Amino acid sequence: MNNAVHGKGEKKWWYGIAVMLMICVFFVGMDYTQTGSITWSVWPVAAVLFFGVGFSLLNRFGRE
């Protein structure tokens, strides 16, 4: 508990995935507020999810 309070612990494996999801929510939110529907944000969201989340999961579970 003491290490967690003073910030000496390791990063969790899912932090990268959480950041990628926040980026996706940002893109979709910008698209929706500007156009009233989801139009152009499909491509950046797909790229972020494919590369960011995919590689994060491969690093976590794909190594032996």
PDB file of N, CA and C in Angstrom:
ATOM      1  N   MET A   1       0.835  -1.189   0.000  1.00  0.00           N
ATOM      2  CA  MET A   1       0.000   0.000   0.000  1.00  0.00           C
ATOM      3  C   MET A   1       0.877   1.249   0.000  1.00  0.00           C
ATOM      4  N   ASN A   2       1.983   1.215   0.715  1.00  0.00           N
ATOM      5  CA  ASN A   2       2.861   2.374   0.792  1.00  0.00           C
ATOM      6  C   ASN A   2       3.436   2.723  -0.581  1.00  0.00           C
ATOM      7  N   ASN A   3       3.787   1.694  -1.384  1.00  0.00           N
ATOM      8  CA  ASN A   3       4.312   1.958  -2.724  1.00  0.00           C
ATOM      9  C   ASN A   3       3.271   2.602  -3.624  1.00  0.00           C
ATOM     10  N   ALA A   4       2.021   2.223  -3.468  1.00  0.00           N
ATOM     11  CA  ALA A   4       0.966   2.790  -4.299  1.00  0.00           C
ATOM     12  C   ALA A   4       0.724   4.261  -3.956  1.00  0.00           C
ATOM     13  N   VAL A   5       0.847   4.606  -2.704  1.00  0.00           N
ATOM     14  CA  VAL A   5       0.616   5.986  -2.279  1.00  0.00           C
ATOM     15  C   VAL A   5       1.723   6.896  -2.806  1.00  0.00           C
ATOM     16  N   HIS A   6       2.951   6.424  -2.806  1.00  0.00           N
ATOM     17  CA  HIS A   6       4.085   7.249  -3.211  1.00  0.00           C
ATOM     18  C   HIS A   6       4.460   7.075  -4.675  1.00  0.00           C
ATOM     19  N   GLY A   7       3.687   6.336  -5.441  1.00  0.00           N
ATOM     20  CA  GLY A   7       3.893   6.237  -6.878  1.00  0.00           C
ATOM     21  C   GLY A   7       5.104   5.437  -7.304  1.00  0.00           C
ATOM     22  N   LYS A   8       5.479   4.418  -6.567  1.00  0.00           N
ATOM     23  CA  LYS A   8       6.637   3.611  -6.947  1.00  0.00           C
ATOM     24  C   LYS A   8       6.242   2.279  -7.566  1.00  0.00           C
ATOM     25  N   GLY A   9       4.964   2.087  -7.802  1.00  0.00           N
ATOM     26  CA  GLY A   9       4.501   0.844  -8.405  1.00  0.00           C
ATOM     27  C   GLY A   9       4.653   0.865  -9.911  1.00  0.00           C
ATOM     28  N   GLU A  10       4.393  -0.279 -10.540  1.00  0.00           N
ATOM     29  CA  GLU A  10       4.468  -0.389 -11.993  1.00  0.00           C
ATOM     30  C   GLU A  10       3.176   0.084 -12.635  1.00  0.00           C
ATOM     31  N   LYS A  11       3.284   0.465 -13.925  1.00  0.00           N
ATOM     32  CA  LYS A  11       2.087   0.781 -14.687  1.00  0.00           C
ATOM     33  C   LYS A  11       1.288  -0.492 -14.896  1.00  0.00           C
ATOM     34  N   LYS A  12      -0.007  -0.381 -14.844  1.00  0.00           N
ATOM     35  CA  LYS A  12      -0.867  -1.531 -15.121  1.00  0.00           C
ATOM     36  C   LYS A  12      -0.855  -1.825 -16.613  1.00  0.00           C
ATOM     37  N   TRP A  13      -1.100  -3.060 -16.989  1.00  0.00           N
ATOM     38  CA  TRP A  13      -1.032  -3.450 -18.394  1.00  0.00           C
ATOM     39  C   TRP A  13      -2.154  -2.837 -19.211  1.00  0.00           C
ATOM     40  N   TRP A  14      -3.236  -2.412 -18.576  1.00  0.00           N
ATOM     41  CA  TRP A  14      -4.389  -1.906 -19.300  1.00  0.00           C
ATOM     42  C   TRP A  14      -4.390  -0.389 -19.417  1.00  0.00           C
ATOM     43  N   TYR A  15      -3.373   0.302 -18.926  1.00  0.00           N
ATOM     44  CA  TYR A  15      -3.336   1.765 -19.035  1.00  0.00           C
ATOM     45  C   TYR A  15      -3.300   2.213 -20.493  1.00  0.00           C
ATOM     46  N   GLY A  16      -2.533   1.552 -21.328  1.00  0.00           N
ATOM     47  CA  GLY A  16      -2.464   1.909 -22.741  1.00  0.00           C
ATOM     48  C   GLY A  16      -3.803   1.762 -23.424  1.00  0.00           C
ATOM     49  N   ILE A  17      -4.534   0.712 -23.069  1.00  0.00           N
ATOM     50  CA  ILE A  17      -5.859   0.490 -23.648  1.00  0.00           C
ATOM     51  C   ILE A  17      -6.822   1.594 -23.200  1.00  0.00           C
ATOM     52  N   ALA A  18      -6.733   2.006 -21.946  1.00  0.00           N
ATOM     53  CA  ALA A  18      -7.599   3.076 -21.456  1.00  0.00           C
ATOM     54  C   ALA A  18      -7.317   4.388 -22.180  1.00  0.00           C
ATOM     55  N   VAL A  19      -6.053   4.670 -22.444  1.00  0.00           N
ATOM     56  CA  VAL A  19      -5.707   5.888 -23.186  1.00  0.00           C
ATOM     57  C   VAL A  19      -6.252   5.819 -24.602  1.00  0.00           C
ATOM     58  N   MET A  20      -6.122   4.669 -25.258  1.00  0.00           N
ATOM     59  CA  MET A  20      -6.647   4.516 -26.610  1.00  0.00           C
ATOM     60  C   MET A  20      -8.170   4.698 -26.645  1.00  0.00           C
ATOM     61  N   LEU A  21      -8.857   4.186 -25.652  1.00  0.00           N
ATOM     62  CA  LEU A  21     -10.314   4.351 -25.601  1.00  0.00           C
ATOM     63  C   LEU A  21     -10.705   5.806 -25.370  1.00  0.00           C
ATOM     64  N   MET A  22      -9.923   6.533 -24.560  1.00  0.00           N
ATOM     65  CA  MET A  22     -10.210   7.951 -24.363  1.00  0.00           C
ATOM     66  C   MET A  22     -10.007   8.733 -25.659  1.00  0.00           C
ATOM     67  N   ILE A  23      -8.993   8.370 -26.442  1.00  0.00           N
ATOM     68  CA  ILE A  23      -8.774   9.015 -27.735  1.00  0.00           C
ATOM     69  C   ILE A  23      -9.952   8.738 -28.666  1.00  0.00           C
ATOM     70  N   CYS A  24     -10.443   7.509 -28.662  1.00  0.00           N
ATOM     71  CA  CYS A  24     -11.600   7.162 -29.497  1.00  0.00           C
ATOM     72  C   CYS A  24     -12.839   7.951 -29.096  1.00  0.00           C
ATOM     73  N   VAL A  25     -13.080   8.082 -27.810  1.00  0.00           N
ATOM     74  CA  VAL A  25     -14.230   8.854 -27.336  1.00  0.00           C
ATOM     75  C   VAL A  25     -14.083  10.319 -27.753  1.00  0.00           C
ATOM     76  N   PHE A  26     -12.868  10.839 -27.729  1.00  0.00           N
ATOM     77  CA  PHE A  26     -12.629  12.213 -28.167  1.00  0.00           C
ATOM     78  C   PHE A  26     -12.986  12.388 -29.637  1.00  0.00           C
ATOM     79  N   PHE A  27     -12.509  11.488 -30.500  1.00  0.00           N
ATOM     80  CA  PHE A  27     -12.803  11.590 -31.926  1.00  0.00           C
ATOM     81  C   PHE A  27     -14.299  11.487 -32.208  1.00  0.00           C
ATOM     82  N   VAL A  28     -14.947  10.524 -31.596  1.00  0.00           N
ATOM     83  CA  VAL A  28     -16.380  10.341 -31.822  1.00  0.00           C
ATOM     84  C   VAL A  28     -17.161  11.542 -31.276  1.00  0.00           C
ATOM     85  N   GLY A  29     -16.765  12.054 -30.136  1.00  0.00           N
ATOM     86  CA  GLY A  29     -17.435  13.215 -29.566  1.00  0.00           C
ATOM     87  C   GLY A  29     -17.290  14.452 -30.441  1.00  0.00           C
ATOM     88  N   MET A  30     -16.087  14.686 -30.969  1.00  0.00           N
ATOM     89  CA  MET A  30     -15.899  15.823 -31.874  1.00  0.00           C
ATOM     90  C   MET A  30     -16.737  15.670 -33.129  1.00  0.00           C
ATOM     91  N   ASP A  31     -16.764  14.481 -33.684  1.00  0.00           N
ATOM     92  CA  ASP A  31     -17.533  14.234 -34.900  1.00  0.00           C
ATOM     93  C   ASP A  31     -19.024  14.438 -34.646  1.00  0.00           C
ATOM     94  N   TYR A  32     -19.499  13.918 -33.546  1.00  0.00           N
ATOM     95  CA  TYR A  32     -20.937  14.001 -33.255  1.00  0.00           C
ATOM     96  C   TYR A  32     -21.374  15.439 -32.975  1.00  0.00           C
ATOM     97  N   THR A  33     -20.547  16.202 -32.250  1.00  0.00           N
ATOM     98  CA  THR A  33     -20.944  17.580 -31.950  1.00  0.00           C
ATOM     99  C   THR A  33     -20.884  18.470 -33.186  1.00  0.00           C
ATOM    100  N   GLN A  34     -20.004  18.172 -34.125  1.00  0.00           N
ATOM    101  CA  GLN A  34     -19.893  19.008 -35.323  1.00  0.00           C
ATOM    102  C   GLN A  34     -20.946  18.675 -36.370  1.00  0.00           C
ATOM    103  N   THR A  35     -21.230  17.401 -36.560  1.00  0.00           N
ATOM    104  CA  THR A  35     -22.113  17.005 -37.654  1.00  0.00           C
ATOM    105  C   THR A  35     -23.468  16.486 -37.193  1.00  0.00           C
ATOM    106  N   GLY A  36     -23.614  16.143 -35.940  1.00  0.00           N
ATOM    107  CA  GLY A  36     -24.867  15.579 -35.452  1.00  0.00           C
ATOM    108  C   GLY A  36     -24.990  14.091 -35.694  1.00  0.00           C
ATOM    109  N   SER A  37     -23.977  13.503 -36.313  1.00  0.00           N
ATOM    110  CA  SER A  37     -23.947  12.052 -36.525  1.00  0.00           C
ATOM    111  C   SER A  37     -22.480  11.624 -36.582  1.00  0.00           C
ATOM    112  N   ILE A  38     -22.266  10.347 -36.659  1.00  0.00           N
ATOM    113  CA  ILE A  38     -20.904   9.817 -36.711  1.00  0.00           C
ATOM    114  C   ILE A  38     -20.569   9.558 -38.173  1.00  0.00           C
ATOM    115  N   THR A  39     -19.668  10.370 -38.725  1.00  0.00           N
ATOM    116  CA  THR A  39     -19.344  10.264 -40.151  1.00  0.00           C
ATOM    117  C   THR A  39     -17.868   9.928 -40.355  1.00  0.00           C
ATOM    118  N   TRP A  40     -16.983  10.886 -40.175  1.00  0.00           N
ATOM    119  CA  TRP A  40     -15.569  10.698 -40.492  1.00  0.00           C
ATOM    120  C   TRP A  40     -14.796  10.002 -39.387  1.00  0.00           C
ATOM    121  N   SER A  41     -15.295   9.974 -38.171  1.00  0.00           N
ATOM    122  CA  SER A  41     -14.509   9.458 -37.044  1.00  0.00           C
ATOM    123  C   SER A  41     -14.392   7.941 -37.039  1.00  0.00           C
ATOM    124  N   VAL A  42     -15.070   7.270 -37.945  1.00  0.00           N
ATOM    125  CA  VAL A  42     -14.991   5.807 -37.984  1.00  0.00           C
ATOM    126  C   VAL A  42     -13.559   5.363 -38.302  1.00  0.00           C
ATOM    127  N   TRP A  43     -12.895   6.051 -39.228  1.00  0.00           N
ATOM    128  CA  TRP A  43     -11.547   5.633 -39.639  1.00  0.00           C
ATOM    129  C   TRP A  43     -10.489   5.853 -38.565  1.00  0.00           C
ATOM    130  N   PRO A  44     -10.407   7.034 -37.918  1.00  0.00           N
ATOM    131  CA  PRO A  44      -9.402   7.154 -36.857  1.00  0.00           C
ATOM    132  C   PRO A  44      -9.687   6.242 -35.669  1.00  0.00           C
ATOM    133  N   VAL A  45     -10.956   6.047 -35.352  1.00  0.00           N
ATOM    134  CA  VAL A  45     -11.296   5.156 -34.236  1.00  0.00           C
ATOM    135  C   VAL A  45     -10.902   3.725 -34.565  1.00  0.00           C
ATOM    136  N   ALA A  46     -11.173   3.293 -35.786  1.00  0.00           N
ATOM    137  CA  ALA A  46     -10.786   1.931 -36.187  1.00  0.00           C
ATOM    138  C   ALA A  46      -9.274   1.762 -36.162  1.00  0.00           C
ATOM    139  N   ALA A  47      -8.542   2.767 -36.620  1.00  0.00           N
ATOM    140  CA  ALA A  47      -7.081   2.676 -36.615  1.00  0.00           C
ATOM    141  C   ALA A  47      -6.531   2.639 -35.195  1.00  0.00           C
ATOM    142  N   VAL A  48      -7.060   3.489 -34.326  1.00  0.00           N
ATOM    143  CA  VAL A  48      -6.590   3.521 -32.936  1.00  0.00           C
ATOM    144  C   VAL A  48      -6.891   2.199 -32.242  1.00  0.00           C
ATOM    145  N   LEU A  49      -8.100   1.685 -32.444  1.00  0.00           N
ATOM    146  CA  LEU A  49      -8.449   0.419 -31.794  1.00  0.00           C
ATOM    147  C   LEU A  49      -7.630  -0.741 -32.347  1.00  0.00           C
ATOM    148  N   PHE A  50      -7.441  -0.780 -33.665  1.00  0.00           N
ATOM    149  CA  PHE A  50      -6.708  -1.890 -34.264  1.00  0.00           C
ATOM    150  C   PHE A  50      -5.251  -1.885 -33.825  1.00  0.00           C
ATOM    151  N   PHE A  51      -4.586  -0.756 -33.998  1.00  0.00           N
ATOM    152  CA  PHE A  51      -3.160  -0.712 -33.685  1.00  0.00           C
ATOM    153  C   PHE A  51      -2.893  -0.569 -32.192  1.00  0.00           C
ATOM    154  N   GLY A  52      -3.546   0.380 -31.555  1.00  0.00           N
ATOM    155  CA  GLY A  52      -3.267   0.642 -30.143  1.00  0.00           C
ATOM    156  C   GLY A  52      -3.693  -0.478 -29.223  1.00  0.00           C
ATOM    157  N   VAL A  53      -4.950  -0.847 -29.309  1.00  0.00           N
ATOM    158  CA  VAL A  53      -5.465  -1.882 -28.412  1.00  0.00           C
ATOM    159  C   VAL A  53      -4.941  -3.256 -28.824  1.00  0.00           C
ATOM    160  N   GLY A  54      -4.873  -3.488 -30.131  1.00  0.00           N
ATOM    161  CA  GLY A  54      -4.376  -4.784 -30.595  1.00  0.00           C
ATOM    162  C   GLY A  54      -2.951  -5.058 -30.164  1.00  0.00           C
ATOM    163  N   PHE A  55      -2.072  -4.078 -30.348  1.00  0.00           N
ATOM    164  CA  PHE A  55      -0.678  -4.275 -29.952  1.00  0.00           C
ATOM    165  C   PHE A  55      -0.520  -4.327 -28.438  1.00  0.00           C
ATOM    166  N   SER A  56      -1.350  -3.579 -27.708  1.00  0.00           N
ATOM    167  CA  SER A  56      -1.296  -3.653 -26.247  1.00  0.00           C
ATOM    168  C   SER A  56      -1.675  -5.052 -25.762  1.00  0.00           C
ATOM    169  N   LEU A  57      -2.711  -5.625 -26.366  1.00  0.00           N
ATOM    170  CA  LEU A  57      -3.114  -6.975 -25.969  1.00  0.00           C
ATOM    171  C   LEU A  57      -2.088  -8.015 -26.402  1.00  0.00           C
ATOM    172  N   LEU A  58      -1.474  -7.812 -27.566  1.00  0.00           N
ATOM    173  CA  LEU A  58      -0.425  -8.744 -27.992  1.00  0.00           C
ATOM    174  C   LEU A  58       0.769  -8.699 -27.051  1.00  0.00           C
ATOM    175  N   ASN A  59       1.145  -7.508 -26.601  1.00  0.00           N
ATOM    176  CA  ASN A  59       2.246  -7.405 -25.661  1.00  0.00           C
ATOM    177  C   ASN A  59       1.912  -8.076 -24.324  1.00  0.00           C
ATOM    178  N   ARG A  60       0.657  -7.985 -23.937  1.00  0.00           N
ATOM    179  CA  ARG A  60       0.262  -8.574 -22.645  1.00  0.00           C
ATOM    180  C   ARG A  60       0.121 -10.093 -22.733  1.00  0.00           C
ATOM    181  N   PHE A  61      -0.561 -10.589 -23.757  1.00  0.00           N
ATOM    182  CA  PHE A  61      -0.910 -12.007 -23.805  1.00  0.00           C
ATOM    183  C   PHE A  61      -0.163 -12.798 -24.871  1.00  0.00           C
ATOM    184  N   GLY A  62       0.519 -12.136 -25.783  1.00  0.00           N
ATOM    185  CA  GLY A  62       1.145 -12.848 -26.894  1.00  0.00           C
ATOM    186  C   GLY A  62       2.550 -13.324 -26.637  1.00  0.00           C
ATOM    187  N   ARG A  63       3.153 -12.894 -25.565  1.00  0.00           N
ATOM    188  CA  ARG A  63       4.530 -13.309 -25.268  1.00  0.00           C
ATOM    189  C   ARG A  63       4.552 -14.553 -24.398  1.00  0.00           C
ATOM    190  N   GLU A  64       5.518 -15.367 -24.648  1.00  0.00           N
ATOM    191  CA  GLU A  64       5.637 -16.584 -23.834  1.00  0.00           C
ATOM    192  C   GLU A  64       6.944 -16.594 -23.099  1.00  0.00           C
TER     193      GLU A  64
END
